[in-house]
Amino acid sequence: MEGGFDFIRWLGYDMSIKILMCLDDPSDLVRVSSVSGAWRQLVIANGLCKQLCLRMFPEISRVAHVIEVNNVIQPVEIKPDNSMEWEWLERDHRVYALLARGLTSFMRKDCISEAIYASSTDNYPEESIQNTLEPSDRVEHRASYWSSKGESNPAVPETLVYKLITNLCVITEVHVQPFQAYFQFGFPIYSAKAVRFRMGHPKFPMEIENDVGDESAAGQECADDKFIWTYASPEFPMAQDNCLQKFNLPEPVLCIGGILQIELLGRVQRQEMDGLYYIC
């Protein structure tokens, strides 16, 4: 822009910042910072990439101090003059621009890597939570599903806990399919009344590995004692229908820690054999 018309000088410094803060794509801010030295200084000095990244994913604020204080991304050489402060600003600009871009660039539908716990399991391992990772309700000519234990009180909830493919995931929607017992009279569907989702991280990461054996005994204790939940969604009503139901979150959620909990709230189907309510 040297020698040409500069919008920053025409609009003024404060107005230019207000306009740039209306951008909602990190790539646009990177392009703006490439226009000229003055535009680059405006973007970096005011931390616009950081502000946009935190607006898009507020959960990052919980770990921002790790980037800024511990300087874990790229060490900054200590210098005796004020140029060190500018190097910090430039580094934060790069880090938050790459972080925001990375979190919005790659979309996957299969974000769950493994099942960790179920609050209860009726018949283990035949009705294990591991079966929920299968896309079909029949595998090798047998039924494939998870089933809770039966309850006389239909208000008793259930929880399923999963590990995601990475410790940093942006979740926009979760899909759940109730199971229809095609081998029972009337083909009942054991859905929940409602569903809610929590995301977070383990308190003790090394202790959740290979601990899925006794689902019925350890499940709820795991959810309560071994995880910290940093996000809880609203409750979504679940249809008593044997189809893949999509639950869109109000806004994209950044899951830091890679743990997803599905809360199944309320029971609607009683099993004819024992008169108890189940969720499958």
Protein backbone atom coordinates (compact mmCIF):
# COMPACT_ATOMS: atom_id res chain seq x y z
CA MET A 1 0.00 0.00 0.00
CA GLU A 2 3.05 2.32 0.09
CA GLY A 3 2.45 5.19 -2.25
CA GLY A 4 -1.25 4.33 -2.59
CA PHE A 5 -4.47 4.88 -0.69
CA ASP A 6 -4.43 3.44 2.84
CA PHE A 7 -7.83 2.75 4.39
CA ILE A 8 -6.36 2.76 7.89
CA ARG A 9 -5.35 6.42 7.58
CA TRP A 10 -8.68 7.30 6.00
CA LEU A 11 -10.86 5.45 8.50
CA GLY A 12 -8.74 6.04 11.54
CA TYR A 13 -7.03 3.58 13.86
CA ASP A 14 -9.98 2.84 16.16
CA MET A 15 -12.54 2.43 13.38
CA SER A 16 -10.18 0.13 11.46
CA ILE A 17 -9.88 -2.13 14.50
CA LYS A 18 -13.67 -2.26 14.93
CA ILE A 19 -14.10 -3.24 11.29
CA LEU A 20 -11.42 -5.93 11.42
CA MET A 21 -12.95 -7.38 14.58
CA CYS A 22 -16.10 -8.09 12.56
CA LEU A 23 -14.22 -10.67 10.49
CA ASP A 24 -15.15 -14.26 11.35
CA ASP A 25 -12.55 -16.20 9.34
CA PRO A 26 -8.94 -16.43 10.56
CA SER A 27 -7.75 -16.63 6.96
CA ASP A 28 -9.14 -13.15 6.34
CA LEU A 29 -7.09 -11.70 9.19
CA VAL A 30 -3.97 -13.39 7.85
CA ARG A 31 -4.64 -11.84 4.44
CA VAL A 32 -5.20 -8.43 6.02
CA SER A 33 -1.86 -8.66 7.82
CA SER A 34 -0.17 -9.29 4.46
CA VAL A 35 -1.44 -6.11 2.79
CA SER A 36 1.23 -3.78 4.17
CA GLY A 37 3.50 -3.20 7.12
CA ALA A 38 0.97 -0.83 8.70
CA TRP A 39 -1.88 -3.33 8.38
CA ARG A 40 0.31 -6.12 9.76
CA GLN A 41 1.27 -4.00 12.74
CA LEU A 42 -2.40 -3.16 13.38
CA VAL A 43 -3.43 -6.84 13.38
CA ILE A 44 -0.53 -8.11 15.47
CA ALA A 45 -0.26 -5.27 17.99
CA ASN A 46 -3.95 -5.60 18.90
CA GLY A 47 -3.94 -9.40 19.06
CA LEU A 48 -6.81 -9.67 16.57
CA CYS A 49 -6.08 -13.31 15.70
CA LYS A 50 -6.13 -14.23 19.37
CA GLN A 51 -9.39 -12.35 19.95
CA LEU A 52 -11.04 -14.05 16.97
CA CYS A 53 -9.81 -17.48 18.06
CA LEU A 54 -11.20 -16.98 21.57
CA ARG A 55 -14.51 -15.74 20.17
CA MET A 56 -14.80 -18.81 17.96
CA PHE A 57 -13.72 -21.24 20.69
CA PRO A 58 -14.11 -19.77 24.21
CA GLU A 59 -12.82 -23.02 25.71
CA ILE A 60 -9.31 -22.09 24.52
CA SER A 61 -9.23 -19.41 27.24
CA ARG A 62 -8.67 -22.24 29.74
CA VAL A 63 -5.35 -23.15 28.13
CA ALA A 64 -4.30 -19.79 26.67
CA HIS A 65 -1.99 -19.14 29.62
CA VAL A 66 -0.04 -22.28 28.71
CA ILE A 67 0.76 -20.81 25.31
CA GLU A 68 1.51 -17.32 26.59
CA VAL A 69 3.23 -17.94 29.92
CA ASN A 70 5.05 -21.22 29.40
CA ASN A 71 6.00 -20.34 25.83
CA VAL A 72 5.68 -23.98 24.78
CA ILE A 73 5.10 -23.38 21.08
CA GLN A 74 8.24 -21.52 20.08
CA PRO A 75 10.80 -20.14 22.57
CA VAL A 76 11.41 -16.42 22.28
CA GLU A 77 14.99 -15.25 22.57
CA ILE A 78 15.45 -12.95 25.56
CA LYS A 79 16.61 -9.51 24.44
CA PRO A 80 17.39 -6.40 26.47
CA ASP A 81 15.23 -4.02 24.42
CA ASN A 82 11.52 -3.68 23.63
CA SER A 83 11.80 -5.83 20.51
CA MET A 84 11.14 -8.85 22.73
CA GLU A 85 7.55 -7.72 23.32
CA TRP A 86 6.97 -7.50 19.57
CA GLU A 87 8.38 -11.00 19.09
CA TRP A 88 5.88 -12.29 21.65
CA LEU A 89 3.05 -10.57 19.80
CA GLU A 90 4.20 -11.98 16.45
CA ARG A 91 4.46 -15.47 17.90
CA ASP A 92 0.97 -15.29 19.43
CA HIS A 93 -0.35 -14.05 16.09
CA ARG A 94 1.07 -17.11 14.32
CA VAL A 95 -0.03 -19.55 17.03
CA TYR A 96 -3.64 -18.38 17.27
CA ALA A 97 -3.98 -18.00 13.49
CA LEU A 98 -2.79 -21.57 12.95
CA LEU A 99 -4.89 -22.87 15.83
CA ALA A 100 -8.10 -21.26 14.58
CA ARG A 101 -7.40 -22.38 11.04
CA GLY A 102 -6.58 -25.92 12.08
CA LEU A 103 -9.74 -26.27 14.15
CA THR A 104 -11.95 -25.20 11.26
CA SER A 105 -10.22 -26.89 8.30
CA PHE A 106 -10.73 -30.61 8.80
CA MET A 107 -14.22 -32.06 9.12
CA ARG A 108 -14.70 -35.71 10.11
CA LYS A 109 -17.80 -37.69 10.94
CA ASP A 110 -16.08 -40.47 12.88
CA CYS A 111 -14.59 -38.63 15.84
CA ILE A 112 -14.98 -41.41 18.43
CA SER A 113 -11.97 -43.68 18.78
CA GLU A 114 -13.04 -46.00 21.60
CA ALA A 115 -15.70 -46.67 24.20
CA ILE A 116 -14.57 -46.26 27.81
CA TYR A 117 -17.45 -46.76 30.24
CA ALA A 118 -21.16 -47.40 30.56
CA SER A 119 -23.00 -46.59 33.78
CA SER A 120 -24.57 -50.05 33.66
CA THR A 121 -24.64 -53.07 31.35
CA ASP A 122 -27.30 -55.77 31.46
CA ASN A 123 -25.42 -58.70 29.96
CA TYR A 124 -21.66 -58.24 29.59
CA PRO A 125 -20.02 -58.68 27.12
CA GLU A 126 -22.93 -59.54 24.80
CA GLU A 127 -24.55 -56.12 25.38
CA SER A 128 -21.36 -54.13 25.92
CA ILE A 129 -20.87 -50.44 25.14
CA GLN A 130 -18.27 -51.62 22.61
CA ASN A 131 -21.17 -52.62 20.37
CA THR A 132 -22.21 -48.96 20.02
CA LEU A 133 -19.18 -48.37 17.82
CA GLU A 134 -20.61 -50.69 15.17
CA PRO A 135 -22.66 -48.82 12.53
CA SER A 136 -25.09 -51.73 12.17
CA ASP A 137 -27.37 -53.32 14.77
CA ARG A 138 -26.48 -56.76 13.42
CA VAL A 139 -22.99 -58.22 13.19
CA GLU A 140 -22.38 -61.74 11.89
CA HIS A 141 -26.07 -62.64 12.11
CA ARG A 142 -26.44 -61.59 15.73
CA ALA A 143 -27.80 -58.46 17.40
CA SER A 144 -25.23 -55.78 18.21
CA TYR A 145 -26.25 -53.18 20.79
CA TRP A 146 -25.64 -51.86 24.29
CA SER A 147 -28.28 -52.36 26.97
CA SER A 148 -28.58 -50.81 30.40
CA LYS A 149 -29.71 -52.78 33.41
CA GLY A 150 -33.44 -52.82 34.01
CA GLU A 151 -34.99 -50.32 36.43
CA SER A 152 -38.44 -50.10 37.98
CA ASN A 153 -38.10 -46.30 38.07
CA PRO A 154 -38.24 -44.84 34.53
CA ALA A 155 -36.43 -41.67 35.68
CA VAL A 156 -33.11 -43.45 36.34
CA PRO A 157 -30.54 -42.09 33.81
CA GLU A 158 -27.65 -43.82 32.08
CA THR A 159 -24.32 -42.52 30.82
CA LEU A 160 -21.92 -43.64 28.11
CA VAL A 161 -18.35 -42.32 28.00
CA TYR A 162 -16.15 -42.26 24.89
CA LYS A 163 -12.64 -41.23 23.96
CA LEU A 164 -12.33 -39.04 20.87
CA ILE A 165 -9.72 -39.41 18.15
CA THR A 166 -7.63 -36.50 19.47
CA ASN A 167 -7.41 -34.42 22.62
CA LEU A 168 -8.52 -31.36 20.67
CA CYS A 169 -11.78 -31.72 18.73
CA VAL A 170 -14.46 -29.33 17.56
CA ILE A 171 -17.86 -30.99 17.94
CA THR A 172 -20.89 -29.65 16.07
CA GLU A 173 -23.34 -32.55 16.34
CA VAL A 174 -23.70 -36.00 17.89
CA HIS A 175 -25.60 -38.93 16.34
CA VAL A 176 -27.43 -41.52 18.45
CA GLN A 177 -29.60 -44.43 17.31
CA PRO A 178 -31.96 -46.20 19.73
CA PHE A 179 -32.09 -49.97 19.41
CA GLN A 180 -35.19 -51.82 18.27
CA ALA A 181 -35.41 -55.32 19.75
CA TYR A 182 -36.50 -57.15 16.60
CA PHE A 183 -36.30 -60.45 18.51
CA GLN A 184 -38.95 -59.42 21.09
CA PHE A 185 -42.73 -59.40 20.66
CA GLY A 186 -43.97 -56.09 19.27
CA PHE A 187 -40.45 -55.01 18.23
CA PRO A 188 -40.07 -52.49 21.11
CA ILE A 189 -37.67 -49.54 20.80
CA TYR A 190 -35.68 -48.85 23.96
CA SER A 191 -34.93 -45.15 23.51
CA ALA A 192 -34.38 -42.53 26.19
CA LYS A 193 -36.73 -39.60 26.73
CA ALA A 194 -33.93 -37.07 26.27
CA VAL A 195 -30.20 -36.87 25.76
CA ARG A 196 -27.49 -34.47 26.91
CA PHE A 197 -23.80 -34.30 26.07
CA ARG A 198 -20.82 -33.42 28.23
CA MET A 199 -17.23 -32.91 27.14
CA GLY A 200 -14.06 -32.68 29.12
CA HIS A 201 -10.85 -34.39 30.11
CA PRO A 202 -9.67 -37.11 32.50
CA LYS A 203 -8.22 -36.18 35.87
CA PHE A 204 -5.71 -39.00 35.55
CA PRO A 205 -5.09 -39.67 31.82
CA MET A 206 -3.05 -42.83 32.27
CA GLU A 207 -5.71 -44.54 34.37
CA ILE A 208 -8.47 -44.72 31.74
CA GLU A 209 -6.63 -47.09 29.42
CA ASN A 210 -7.76 -50.72 29.19
CA ASP A 211 -10.35 -50.29 31.93
CA VAL A 212 -13.54 -51.32 30.16
CA GLY A 213 -13.93 -54.81 31.51
CA ASP A 214 -16.45 -54.37 34.31
CA GLU A 215 -18.77 -51.79 32.80
CA SER A 216 -21.67 -52.40 35.13
CA ALA A 217 -19.68 -51.86 38.32
CA ALA A 218 -17.28 -49.08 37.45
CA GLY A 219 -19.12 -46.94 34.93
CA GLN A 220 -20.80 -44.25 37.02
CA GLU A 221 -17.90 -44.09 39.46
CA CYS A 222 -15.65 -43.38 36.48
CA ALA A 223 -17.84 -40.57 35.19
CA ASP A 224 -18.07 -38.92 38.60
CA ASP A 225 -14.54 -39.37 39.89
CA LYS A 226 -12.18 -39.64 36.93
CA PHE A 227 -13.31 -36.87 34.59
CA ILE A 228 -13.69 -33.11 34.65
CA TRP A 229 -16.52 -31.84 32.45
CA THR A 230 -15.95 -28.42 30.89
CA TYR A 231 -19.08 -28.32 28.71
CA ALA A 232 -22.66 -29.51 29.09
CA SER A 233 -25.20 -29.21 26.28
CA PRO A 234 -28.90 -28.48 26.66
CA GLU A 235 -31.23 -31.46 26.88
CA PHE A 236 -32.52 -32.71 23.52
CA PRO A 237 -35.71 -34.77 23.24
CA MET A 238 -35.14 -38.21 21.74
CA ALA A 239 -37.70 -39.82 19.46
CA GLN A 240 -38.74 -43.42 20.12
CA ASP A 241 -37.69 -44.34 16.62
CA ASN A 242 -35.13 -46.80 15.30
CA CYS A 243 -33.18 -44.33 13.19
CA LEU A 244 -29.95 -42.37 13.44
CA GLN A 245 -30.96 -39.19 15.27
CA LYS A 246 -28.80 -36.08 14.82
CA PHE A 247 -28.45 -33.64 17.69
CA ASN A 248 -26.97 -30.31 16.62
CA LEU A 249 -25.23 -28.36 19.36
CA PRO A 250 -26.22 -24.67 19.70
CA GLU A 251 -22.71 -23.74 18.54
CA PRO A 252 -19.48 -25.60 17.76
CA VAL A 253 -17.80 -26.80 20.94
CA LEU A 254 -14.07 -27.21 21.38
CA CYS A 255 -13.46 -30.34 23.43
CA ILE A 256 -10.10 -30.04 25.18
CA GLY A 257 -9.14 -33.40 26.57
CA GLY A 258 -10.93 -35.67 24.12
CA ILE A 259 -13.66 -37.16 26.33
CA LEU A 260 -17.36 -37.27 25.41
CA GLN A 261 -20.15 -38.33 27.75
CA ILE A 262 -23.65 -39.12 26.50
CA GLU A 263 -26.32 -38.78 29.17
CA LEU A 264 -29.50 -40.74 28.47
CA LEU A 265 -32.27 -39.17 30.54
CA GLY A 266 -35.48 -41.03 31.28
CA ARG A 267 -36.81 -44.37 30.04
CA VAL A 268 -39.86 -44.99 27.89
CA GLN A 269 -39.92 -48.72 27.17
CA ARG A 270 -40.75 -51.47 29.64
CA GLN A 271 -39.59 -55.00 28.85
CA GLU A 272 -42.51 -57.41 28.84
CA MET A 273 -40.47 -60.26 30.30
CA ASP A 274 -39.64 -58.63 33.66
CA GLY A 275 -41.63 -55.38 33.68
CA LEU A 276 -38.49 -53.24 34.01
CA TYR A 277 -37.47 -50.17 31.99
CA TYR A 278 -34.36 -50.35 29.81
CA ILE A 279 -32.36 -48.08 27.51
CA CYS A 280 -30.64 -49.66 24.52
